[in-house]
């Protein structure tokens, strides 16, 4: 006797028809949109390059015997231009701009990853609970999302800096406290759509616990959206961290940060503009790389947006 169990959809987007006997989509098939989209491919390669730099910078920052690379001062060799006895020149204290850029990029990128991981975890939990349970739980969480989203990031940062102290930890906490609301709002909307799908109704009818439905059935179907959001939010955090470091709320000397380097170099902008241009270009390229990578990931996970 033939089985009467229906085939349950597992994706949040329409599934393309696959000819009878054809294999499912492979990893190569999923990567094809990224390869075909030259701008997204550029973003992916550039992002990978920045991650390599961030790993190198983390090693330099964490190993005390390597701190001299970005801390050693040479007052006889201050403000050297790139190529003048130093790869990227020196700052106003004679410190290597090359190694300070590497360390500063590591600070900015790892701060972005930390904030995104914290925000995504909180937003995924609260957004899933709000969207799936509805009722008073949904109203309370939605009100909390709206309240959080209404606070200016700089105001929250100042509050947390006052509670803690100026530094990278305060910046990470402050940005995470605001950014989770964006994730929660998107996740809630996704869950409201997914919970009406047949495979969720089937799981409910079989008596599957709510927590298991969320973890096993809902979360995997939202991973594509979450990865796209993560790339954008890391870029947003890089900008926010640079801005806070610029005004003295972020990473504190002697730890270098790209925003801090721009702030220190602005005093010499008229005569030595490269000292501001180098960290500024690094921030711009990092944000560009993450945004274009996000566009590529969006094309991969949503076939409706393919252009190939």
Foldseek 3Di string as FASTA:
>chain_A
DDDPDDDFDQALADDDDDPPPDDDDDPVNLCVLCVVPVLLVVLVVLLVVLVVLLVVLVVLVVDPVNVCLFPPFDCVQAQADDPRVANHGHHRRRGHPVSLLSNQSNLLLVLLVLLLVLLLVLLLVLLLCLQPVPDPSVVVSLVVLVVLQPDDLVVLLVVQCVVPNQEAVSLSVSSSSRNSSVSSVVSSVQNNVVCPGPVNVVCVVVVPDPVCCSVPRRVVNCVLVSVLVSLQSSLVSSVSQLVCVLVPRYHDPPRHHLSVQLNSCVVVCVPNVSSNVVSVVVSVSSSSSSNSNSVSSVVSRHVVPRDD
